[in-house]
Amino acid sequence: MNYLNIPRKLLLLAVILTSAGCSYDDIYRNNYLVCSPSATDSCDQHSLQLYNKDNNEEYLLGFVEIDDQGQLRDRKQMEALLNQIYPMTNDNHLLLNVFVHGWHHNAQPGDSNIEGFKKNLAKLAAIEHQIHTAKPRKVIGIYVGWRGESIDVPGVNMLTFWDRKNTAQDVGYLGVTELFLKLEEIRNVQHSQEPSIEPKTRLVITGHSFGGAVVQNATTQILANRFIDSNQDKNFSDDAKGFGDLVILLNPAFEALQFAPLYDLAQSRCSYFSSQRPRVAILTSRADWATKLAFPAGRIFSTFFETHNTFQRNECKRSWEVDEGAADRYTVGHYVPLITHTLALVEPNKTMQASELAAITSKWQHQTPGASIQYGPTLLTHLDKTTMLNPYLNIQVNKEIIADHNDIFNEQLMEFLRMLTVLSTSD
């Protein structure tokens, strides 16, 4: 036997397996007309889908698909979405909800993330009718699809972790940023002639796993700019503004070091107005092995030749320290010095009623350092590391609420996120 040929044979076998298992790399939704799904038509090819028409759970779902290089797969797909939404602001206020999926997911019909997103949109629409009975906002969902899987062979696809991490960075820096900014433009330009007391158009962006990295890459510089623009060192003080109204990151797969500058900025401000709302909410499960174990294991090698320091801060009577090496290996939700809150389950299956949701702003405003507040089935505890009403929350979540990396559409978590949405989009 010629042992020199063994590595070549193994390489050839790997190439064959990889080629045979490459996942679908094309657009899924190439019909840009609005379609209402029914028992006879699932509207799978349509990028615009209207659900539950003319009832309290009505919502519009739109798809925007991005390729591996961060480019829109078809600009007409995004334009069809924007052209559908923009005229709606003439007579309505909107609640825009964006979801960017993560590893192992895409925009394929039947994807579990799409189905979970749809259920949450229907419940948000119902909540709008509960708390804004006179003129509820129209709920719009935007599902951002990208190739979260490059190889679809079971088992082998676990090796795509770092390949998809790099792709997530490209997706976040390019096409997604354009989409977010155009949605925010719709959020900011109010055409409706309704009285100002009505709820205004608002924008919430959610990213999961590498989708969290996509959202972080697309928004972090803008968030920093807007925080600085509200700083007290100017001639006036203001609430810290966000990107849209709220950015939610679920089990995000990016380094804590990337969040450290925002944490640092927020800590440099010693007080916030009672009108300050959450602008970034990071939620990571203690039981998420992908970001807790696999991520730092891989980062050991990719950061081996980098130099790191330890920096210390003492601002507003609070001190903290960041080990750059550890923060560059661990994800933002597993680096303890930057965790600001914990979330525990205390009353399973409890649902917040309309009266509780209407009073949510007052409950948020009256929190105290180190205290816990119950929101529906969950208990949010402030760890007394940050100034009260700090708009950036990095929450460590018990496994009873998020069981693992992909358990993001369970009702316990969604109830808490819907509360955050109501809080951050109220006026």
Protein backbone atom coordinates (compact mmCIF):
# COMPACT_ATOMS: atom_id res chain seq x y z
CA MET A 1 0.00 0.00 0.00
CA ASN A 2 1.20 3.48 -0.88
CA TYR A 3 0.64 5.36 2.37
CA LEU A 4 1.49 8.67 0.71
CA ASN A 5 -1.77 8.44 -1.20
CA ILE A 6 -3.91 8.16 1.95
CA PRO A 7 -4.04 11.92 2.72
CA ARG A 8 -4.90 12.59 -0.93
CA LYS A 9 -7.70 10.02 -0.80
CA LEU A 10 -9.05 11.48 2.42
CA LEU A 11 -8.96 14.95 0.90
CA LEU A 12 -10.77 13.71 -2.22
CA LEU A 13 -13.38 11.99 -0.06
CA ALA A 14 -13.92 15.18 1.94
CA VAL A 15 -14.33 17.20 -1.26
CA ILE A 16 -16.86 14.68 -2.64
CA LEU A 17 -18.88 14.63 0.59
CA THR A 18 -18.83 18.38 0.84
CA SER A 19 -19.84 18.89 -2.79
CA ALA A 20 -22.65 16.36 -2.49
CA GLY A 21 -23.91 18.00 0.68
CA CYS A 22 -23.78 21.67 -0.29
CA SER A 23 -27.00 23.36 0.75
CA TYR A 24 -29.36 25.20 -1.60
CA ASP A 25 -27.85 28.49 -2.77
CA ASP A 26 -30.57 30.43 -4.56
CA ILE A 27 -33.62 32.54 -3.84
CA TYR A 28 -36.62 30.78 -2.26
CA ARG A 29 -39.27 33.49 -2.65
CA ASN A 30 -39.33 34.80 -6.22
CA ASN A 31 -42.98 35.88 -6.53
CA TYR A 32 -43.31 39.44 -5.24
CA LEU A 33 -47.10 39.76 -5.20
CA VAL A 34 -49.05 39.68 -1.92
CA CYS A 35 -50.64 36.30 -1.27
CA SER A 36 -53.05 35.21 1.49
CA PRO A 37 -52.28 31.61 2.50
CA SER A 38 -55.22 29.22 2.50
CA ALA A 39 -55.93 25.51 2.69
CA THR A 40 -55.39 25.26 -1.06
CA ASP A 41 -52.51 27.73 -1.48
CA SER A 42 -49.60 27.95 0.98
CA CYS A 43 -48.05 30.89 -0.93
CA ASP A 44 -44.60 29.28 -0.52
CA GLN A 45 -43.04 31.14 -3.47
CA HIS A 46 -44.40 34.52 -2.41
CA SER A 47 -42.18 36.99 -0.56
CA LEU A 48 -45.24 38.88 0.73
CA GLN A 49 -47.86 36.95 2.70
CA LEU A 50 -50.94 38.34 4.45
CA TYR A 51 -52.22 36.20 7.33
CA ASN A 52 -55.51 36.25 9.29
CA LYS A 53 -56.99 38.99 7.15
CA ASP A 54 -59.60 41.20 8.83
CA ASN A 55 -59.29 39.71 12.31
CA ASN A 56 -57.37 40.68 15.45
CA GLU A 57 -54.36 38.51 14.56
CA GLU A 58 -53.80 39.95 11.08
CA TYR A 59 -50.19 40.54 10.04
CA LEU A 60 -48.15 40.93 6.88
CA LEU A 61 -45.01 38.77 6.53
CA GLY A 62 -42.28 39.78 4.08
CA PHE A 63 -39.04 38.03 3.13
CA VAL A 64 -35.70 39.57 2.17
CA GLU A 65 -32.97 37.12 1.16
CA ILE A 66 -29.22 37.77 1.28
CA ASP A 67 -26.41 35.73 -0.30
CA ASP A 68 -23.10 34.59 1.24
CA GLN A 69 -21.33 37.79 0.19
CA GLY A 70 -23.88 40.01 1.89
CA GLN A 71 -25.64 41.04 -1.33
CA LEU A 72 -29.40 41.14 -1.85
CA ARG A 73 -30.32 38.08 -3.90
CA ASP A 74 -32.79 40.25 -5.80
CA ARG A 75 -33.21 43.96 -5.12
CA LYS A 76 -36.76 43.74 -6.46
CA GLN A 77 -37.66 41.50 -3.51
CA MET A 78 -36.73 44.20 -1.00
CA GLU A 79 -38.33 46.93 -3.12
CA ALA A 80 -41.59 44.98 -3.27
CA LEU A 81 -41.62 44.83 0.52
CA LEU A 82 -40.88 48.53 0.99
CA ASN A 83 -43.39 49.53 -1.70
CA GLN A 84 -46.04 47.49 0.11
CA ILE A 85 -45.28 48.95 3.53
CA TYR A 86 -44.67 52.60 2.76
CA PRO A 87 -48.20 53.49 1.54
CA MET A 88 -49.68 51.81 4.61
CA THR A 89 -48.34 54.67 6.74
CA ASN A 90 -50.80 57.05 5.06
CA ASP A 91 -53.66 55.65 7.11
CA ASN A 92 -52.00 53.49 9.76
CA HIS A 93 -49.22 53.34 12.27
CA LEU A 94 -47.11 50.19 12.03
CA LEU A 95 -45.24 47.82 14.33
CA LEU A 96 -42.31 46.58 12.24
CA ASN A 97 -40.67 43.38 13.47
CA VAL A 98 -37.50 42.06 11.84
CA PHE A 99 -36.11 38.59 12.51
CA VAL A 100 -32.66 37.44 11.35
CA HIS A 101 -32.19 33.69 11.78
CA GLY A 102 -28.98 31.93 12.70
CA TRP A 103 -27.02 28.74 12.12
CA HIS A 104 -28.74 25.81 10.33
CA HIS A 105 -31.71 27.93 9.15
CA ASN A 106 -32.75 29.76 5.97
CA ALA A 107 -35.82 31.14 4.16
CA GLN A 108 -37.01 27.73 2.96
CA PRO A 109 -40.76 27.16 3.34
CA GLY A 110 -41.46 25.26 6.52
CA ASP A 111 -38.29 26.34 8.35
CA SER A 112 -38.99 26.15 12.08
CA ASN A 113 -37.82 29.73 12.64
CA ILE A 114 -40.34 31.01 10.09
CA GLU A 115 -43.16 29.10 11.79
CA GLY A 116 -42.15 30.38 15.25
CA PHE A 117 -41.89 33.95 13.95
CA LYS A 118 -45.38 33.72 12.44
CA LYS A 119 -46.94 32.62 15.73
CA ASN A 120 -45.30 35.51 17.57
CA LEU A 121 -46.49 38.04 14.98
CA ALA A 122 -50.08 36.84 15.41
CA LYS A 123 -49.84 37.29 19.18
CA LEU A 124 -48.31 40.75 18.81
CA ALA A 125 -51.24 41.71 16.58
CA ALA A 126 -53.66 40.47 19.24
CA ILE A 127 -51.84 42.51 21.90
CA GLU A 128 -52.11 45.62 19.74
CA HIS A 129 -55.89 45.20 19.70
CA GLN A 130 -55.90 44.74 23.48
CA ILE A 131 -53.92 47.84 24.44
CA HIS A 132 -54.71 50.18 21.52
CA THR A 133 -58.37 49.40 21.02
CA ALA A 134 -59.21 52.58 19.10
CA LYS A 135 -56.45 52.34 16.51
CA PRO A 136 -54.12 49.32 16.83
CA ARG A 137 -50.93 49.37 14.84
CA LYS A 138 -50.65 47.11 11.80
CA VAL A 139 -48.13 44.36 12.53
CA ILE A 140 -45.51 43.77 9.83
CA GLY A 141 -42.94 40.95 10.04
CA ILE A 142 -39.74 40.96 7.98
CA TYR A 143 -37.86 37.66 7.87
CA VAL A 144 -34.24 38.07 6.73
CA GLY A 145 -33.08 34.84 5.12
CA TRP A 146 -29.47 33.95 4.46
CA ARG A 147 -27.65 30.64 4.01
CA GLY A 148 -27.26 29.66 7.67
CA GLU A 149 -26.10 26.24 6.50
CA SER A 150 -23.44 25.67 3.81
CA ILE A 151 -23.47 21.85 4.12
CA ASP A 152 -26.67 19.95 4.84
CA VAL A 153 -25.18 16.53 5.62
CA PRO A 154 -26.20 15.66 9.20
CA GLY A 155 -23.17 15.60 11.48
CA VAL A 156 -20.88 17.10 8.85
CA ASN A 157 -22.89 20.32 9.02
CA MET A 158 -21.60 20.86 12.57
CA LEU A 159 -18.23 21.68 11.00
CA THR A 160 -19.69 24.78 9.31
CA PHE A 161 -19.67 26.82 12.54
CA TRP A 162 -16.72 29.05 11.66
CA ASP A 163 -17.54 29.25 7.96
CA ARG A 164 -21.02 30.57 8.84
CA LYS A 165 -19.55 32.94 11.44
CA ASN A 166 -17.51 34.65 8.73
CA THR A 167 -20.53 34.74 6.42
CA ALA A 168 -22.64 36.34 9.15
CA GLN A 169 -20.14 39.21 9.34
CA ASP A 170 -20.43 39.83 5.59
CA VAL A 171 -24.22 39.68 5.71
CA GLY A 172 -24.31 42.19 8.56
CA TYR A 173 -21.93 44.69 6.99
CA LEU A 174 -23.63 44.93 3.60
CA GLY A 175 -27.17 44.21 2.39
CA VAL A 176 -28.81 43.93 5.80
CA THR A 177 -27.64 47.39 6.86
CA GLU A 178 -29.36 48.92 3.84
CA LEU A 179 -32.59 47.11 4.65
CA PHE A 180 -32.49 48.18 8.31
CA LEU A 181 -31.89 51.82 7.41
CA LYS A 182 -34.75 51.86 4.92
CA LEU A 183 -37.09 50.33 7.46
CA GLU A 184 -35.99 52.92 9.99
CA GLU A 185 -36.75 55.63 7.44
CA ILE A 186 -40.33 54.34 7.30
CA ARG A 187 -40.36 54.34 11.09
CA ASN A 188 -39.22 57.97 11.22
CA VAL A 189 -41.38 59.46 8.46
CA GLN A 190 -44.92 59.65 9.76
CA HIS A 191 -47.53 60.08 7.02
CA SER A 192 -50.58 59.18 9.06
CA GLN A 193 -53.01 62.00 9.73
CA GLU A 194 -54.19 60.36 12.94
CA PRO A 195 -53.91 62.37 16.19
CA SER A 196 -50.49 62.30 17.83
CA ILE A 197 -51.90 60.42 20.83
CA GLU A 198 -52.13 57.29 18.70
CA PRO A 199 -49.20 54.83 18.90
CA LYS A 200 -46.63 55.70 16.30
CA THR A 201 -44.80 53.44 13.84
CA ARG A 202 -42.07 51.54 15.64
CA LEU A 203 -39.25 49.14 14.67
CA VAL A 204 -37.93 46.10 16.59
CA ILE A 205 -35.02 44.02 15.23
CA THR A 206 -34.23 40.52 16.53
CA GLY A 207 -31.29 38.28 15.67
CA HIS A 208 -30.59 34.72 16.83
CA SER A 209 -27.20 32.96 17.01
CA PHE A 210 -25.17 34.08 13.98
CA GLY A 211 -28.20 36.17 13.11
CA GLY A 212 -27.38 38.02 16.32
CA ALA A 213 -23.90 38.61 14.91
CA VAL A 214 -25.51 39.87 11.68
CA VAL A 215 -27.62 42.38 13.62
CA GLN A 216 -24.71 43.40 15.84
CA ASN A 217 -22.44 44.06 12.86
CA ALA A 218 -25.16 46.07 11.12
CA THR A 219 -26.08 48.26 14.10
CA THR A 220 -23.24 48.64 16.63
CA GLN A 221 -21.51 51.66 15.10
CA ILE A 222 -24.84 53.42 14.64
CA LEU A 223 -25.81 52.65 18.24
CA ALA A 224 -22.53 54.13 19.50
CA ASN A 225 -23.04 57.26 17.40
CA ARG A 226 -26.55 57.78 18.71
CA PHE A 227 -25.56 57.20 22.31
CA ILE A 228 -22.83 59.83 22.03
CA ASP A 229 -25.31 62.21 20.39
CA SER A 230 -27.44 62.05 23.56
CA ASN A 231 -24.51 62.62 25.94
CA GLN A 232 -24.86 65.06 28.82
CA ASP A 233 -21.61 66.82 27.89
CA LYS A 234 -23.48 68.66 25.14
CA ASN A 235 -25.66 71.70 25.79
CA PHE A 236 -28.62 69.47 26.53
CA SER A 237 -29.37 65.96 27.76
CA ASP A 238 -31.65 63.44 26.12
CA ASP A 239 -32.64 59.80 26.25
CA ALA A 240 -30.14 57.47 24.63
CA LYS A 241 -31.47 56.61 21.19
CA GLY A 242 -31.24 53.20 19.63
CA PHE A 243 -31.44 51.68 16.17
CA GLY A 244 -35.15 51.78 15.53
CA ASP A 245 -36.68 51.22 18.95
CA LEU A 246 -35.25 47.94 20.21
CA VAL A 247 -32.55 45.47 19.19
CA ILE A 248 -32.93 41.95 20.63
CA LEU A 249 -30.10 39.40 20.41
CA LEU A 250 -30.94 35.78 21.33
CA ASN A 251 -28.07 33.41 22.14
CA PRO A 252 -25.86 35.63 19.96
CA ALA A 253 -22.67 34.11 18.58
CA PHE A 254 -20.16 36.94 18.74
CA GLU A 255 -17.33 37.91 21.07
CA ALA A 256 -17.96 39.82 24.30
CA LEU A 257 -15.14 42.13 23.23
CA GLN A 258 -17.38 43.47 20.46
CA PHE A 259 -19.99 44.54 23.04
CA ALA A 260 -17.48 46.01 25.51
CA PRO A 261 -17.30 49.49 23.86
CA LEU A 262 -21.10 49.93 24.10
CA TYR A 263 -21.07 48.72 27.70
CA ASP A 264 -18.25 51.18 28.39
CA LEU A 265 -20.18 54.07 26.81
CA ALA A 266 -23.33 53.37 28.77
CA GLN A 267 -21.41 53.10 32.05
CA SER A 268 -19.88 56.53 31.50
CA ARG A 269 -23.29 58.14 31.94
CA CYS A 270 -24.22 58.41 35.60
CA SER A 271 -27.99 58.79 35.28
CA TYR A 272 -30.87 58.33 32.86
CA PHE A 273 -34.25 60.01 32.61
CA SER A 274 -37.33 58.11 33.72
CA SER A 275 -38.43 58.15 30.08
CA GLN A 276 -35.42 56.05 29.03
CA ARG A 277 -36.41 52.75 27.40
CA PRO A 278 -34.33 49.63 26.73
CA ARG A 279 -32.54 49.91 23.38
CA VAL A 280 -30.51 46.67 23.29
CA ALA A 281 -31.51 43.43 25.04
CA ILE A 282 -29.13 40.47 24.85
CA LEU A 283 -30.52 37.19 26.19
CA THR A 284 -28.34 34.08 26.48
CA SER A 285 -29.24 30.74 28.00
CA ARG A 286 -26.97 29.24 30.63
CA ALA A 287 -27.62 25.93 28.82
CA ASP A 288 -26.52 27.09 25.37
CA TRP A 289 -23.57 24.77 24.69
CA ALA A 290 -22.90 26.23 21.23
CA THR A 291 -22.01 29.69 22.53
CA LYS A 292 -20.82 28.51 25.96
CA LEU A 293 -18.43 25.72 24.91
CA ALA A 294 -17.95 25.38 21.14
CA PHE A 295 -17.42 29.08 20.51
CA PRO A 296 -14.59 29.69 23.01
CA ALA A 297 -12.94 26.38 22.05
CA GLY A 298 -12.59 27.57 18.48
CA ARG A 299 -11.56 31.09 19.49
CA ILE A 300 -8.54 29.74 21.38
CA PHE A 301 -6.86 28.96 18.06
CA SER A 302 -8.08 31.97 16.08
CA THR A 303 -6.85 34.41 18.77
CA PHE A 304 -3.58 32.59 19.53
CA PHE A 305 -1.30 35.18 17.92
CA GLU A 306 -3.26 38.25 19.03
CA THR A 307 -2.17 40.47 21.91
CA HIS A 308 -4.60 41.39 24.67
CA ASN A 309 -4.60 43.67 27.67
CA THR A 310 -6.74 44.12 30.74
CA PHE A 311 -8.46 47.46 31.12
CA GLN A 312 -10.06 48.85 34.24
CA ARG A 313 -12.75 51.51 34.54
CA ASN A 314 -14.08 53.56 37.41
CA GLU A 315 -17.07 55.63 36.29
CA CYS A 316 -20.04 57.02 38.21
CA LYS A 317 -18.92 55.29 41.43
CA ARG A 318 -18.83 51.90 39.68
CA SER A 319 -15.71 49.88 38.91
CA TRP A 320 -15.27 47.05 36.44
CA GLU A 321 -12.49 45.21 34.66
CA VAL A 322 -12.34 43.56 31.25
CA ASP A 323 -9.77 40.90 30.38
CA GLU A 324 -9.51 41.38 26.61
CA GLY A 325 -8.22 37.86 26.05
CA ALA A 326 -11.17 36.22 27.80
CA ALA A 327 -13.62 38.69 26.25
CA ASP A 328 -12.23 37.82 22.81
CA ARG A 329 -12.84 34.11 23.38
CA TYR A 330 -16.17 34.03 25.18
CA THR A 331 -19.46 35.15 23.72
CA VAL A 332 -21.17 38.24 25.05
CA GLY A 333 -23.72 36.20 26.99
CA HIS A 334 -21.13 34.06 28.79
CA TYR A 335 -18.61 36.69 29.81
CA VAL A 336 -19.60 37.37 33.41
CA PRO A 337 -18.12 40.89 33.88
CA LEU A 338 -20.49 42.28 31.21
CA ILE A 339 -23.68 40.49 32.32
CA THR A 340 -26.14 43.01 33.78
CA HIS A 341 -29.28 40.97 34.62
CA THR A 342 -30.58 37.45 35.17
CA LEU A 343 -33.96 36.10 34.06
CA ALA A 344 -35.68 33.25 35.91
CA LEU A 345 -38.99 31.44 35.56
CA VAL A 346 -41.22 31.92 38.60
CA GLU A 347 -44.79 31.41 37.40
CA PRO A 348 -44.94 29.07 34.37
CA ASN A 349 -47.61 29.72 31.74
CA LYS A 350 -48.69 33.04 33.22
CA THR A 351 -49.86 35.49 30.56
CA MET A 352 -49.71 39.25 30.99
CA GLN A 353 -53.14 40.82 30.71
CA ALA A 354 -53.89 44.08 28.90
CA SER A 355 -53.99 46.02 32.17
CA GLU A 356 -50.52 44.74 33.12
CA LEU A 357 -49.10 45.61 29.71
CA ALA A 358 -50.60 49.08 29.93
CA ALA A 359 -48.81 49.60 33.27
CA ILE A 360 -45.49 48.18 32.10
CA THR A 361 -43.84 51.59 31.69
CA SER A 362 -44.47 52.54 35.31
CA LYS A 363 -43.12 49.20 36.52
CA TRP A 364 -39.95 49.69 34.46
CA GLN A 365 -39.43 53.25 35.70
CA HIS A 366 -39.66 52.31 39.37
CA GLN A 367 -37.05 49.57 39.45
CA THR A 368 -34.29 49.83 42.07
CA PRO A 369 -30.63 48.71 42.10
CA GLY A 370 -30.19 44.98 42.65
CA ALA A 371 -33.94 44.39 42.79
CA SER A 372 -36.13 41.89 40.93
CA ILE A 373 -39.30 42.63 38.98
CA GLN A 374 -41.79 40.05 37.76
CA TYR A 375 -42.94 40.38 34.16
CA GLY A 376 -45.56 37.75 33.39
CA PRO A 377 -44.04 34.32 34.09
CA THR A 378 -40.47 35.61 34.49
CA LEU A 379 -38.43 37.45 37.10
CA LEU A 380 -35.85 39.98 35.89
CA THR A 381 -33.10 40.71 38.42
CA HIS A 382 -30.80 43.71 38.15
CA LEU A 383 -27.27 42.74 39.27
CA ASP A 384 -26.39 46.27 40.42
CA LYS A 385 -23.49 46.53 37.96
CA THR A 386 -25.07 49.27 35.85
CA THR A 387 -26.83 52.57 36.43
CA MET A 388 -30.61 52.21 36.67
CA LEU A 389 -32.45 52.50 33.34
CA ASN A 390 -29.23 51.83 31.43
CA PRO A 391 -30.59 51.11 27.92
CA TYR A 392 -28.24 48.15 27.24
CA LEU A 393 -29.25 44.90 28.95
CA ASN A 394 -27.08 41.76 28.84
CA ILE A 395 -29.30 39.10 30.43
CA GLN A 396 -28.27 35.60 31.49
CA VAL A 397 -31.33 33.35 31.19
CA ASN A 398 -32.13 30.17 33.13
CA LYS A 399 -32.55 26.97 31.13
CA GLU A 400 -36.22 26.72 32.18
CA ILE A 401 -36.84 29.69 29.87
CA ILE A 402 -34.37 28.89 27.06
CA ALA A 403 -33.52 25.19 27.13
CA ASP A 404 -30.74 25.24 24.53
CA HIS A 405 -29.28 27.15 21.61
CA ASN A 406 -32.34 26.89 19.37
CA ASP A 407 -35.14 27.08 21.94
CA ILE A 408 -36.04 30.69 21.15
CA PHE A 409 -39.74 30.58 20.27
CA ASN A 410 -41.07 28.94 23.42
CA GLU A 411 -43.93 30.83 25.00
CA GLN A 412 -42.13 31.70 28.28
CA LEU A 413 -39.44 33.62 26.43
CA MET A 414 -41.81 35.13 23.88
CA GLU A 415 -43.99 36.50 26.67
CA PHE A 416 -40.98 38.38 28.08
CA LEU A 417 -39.92 39.64 24.65
CA ARG A 418 -43.42 40.85 23.85
CA MET A 419 -43.34 42.78 27.12
CA LEU A 420 -40.03 44.37 26.10
CA THR A 421 -41.55 45.24 22.73
CA VAL A 422 -44.55 46.93 24.33
CA LEU A 423 -42.25 48.81 26.74
CA SER A 424 -39.80 50.00 24.08
CA THR A 425 -42.39 50.99 21.50
CA SER A 426 -44.72 52.92 23.78
CA ASP A 427 -44.72 56.72 23.75
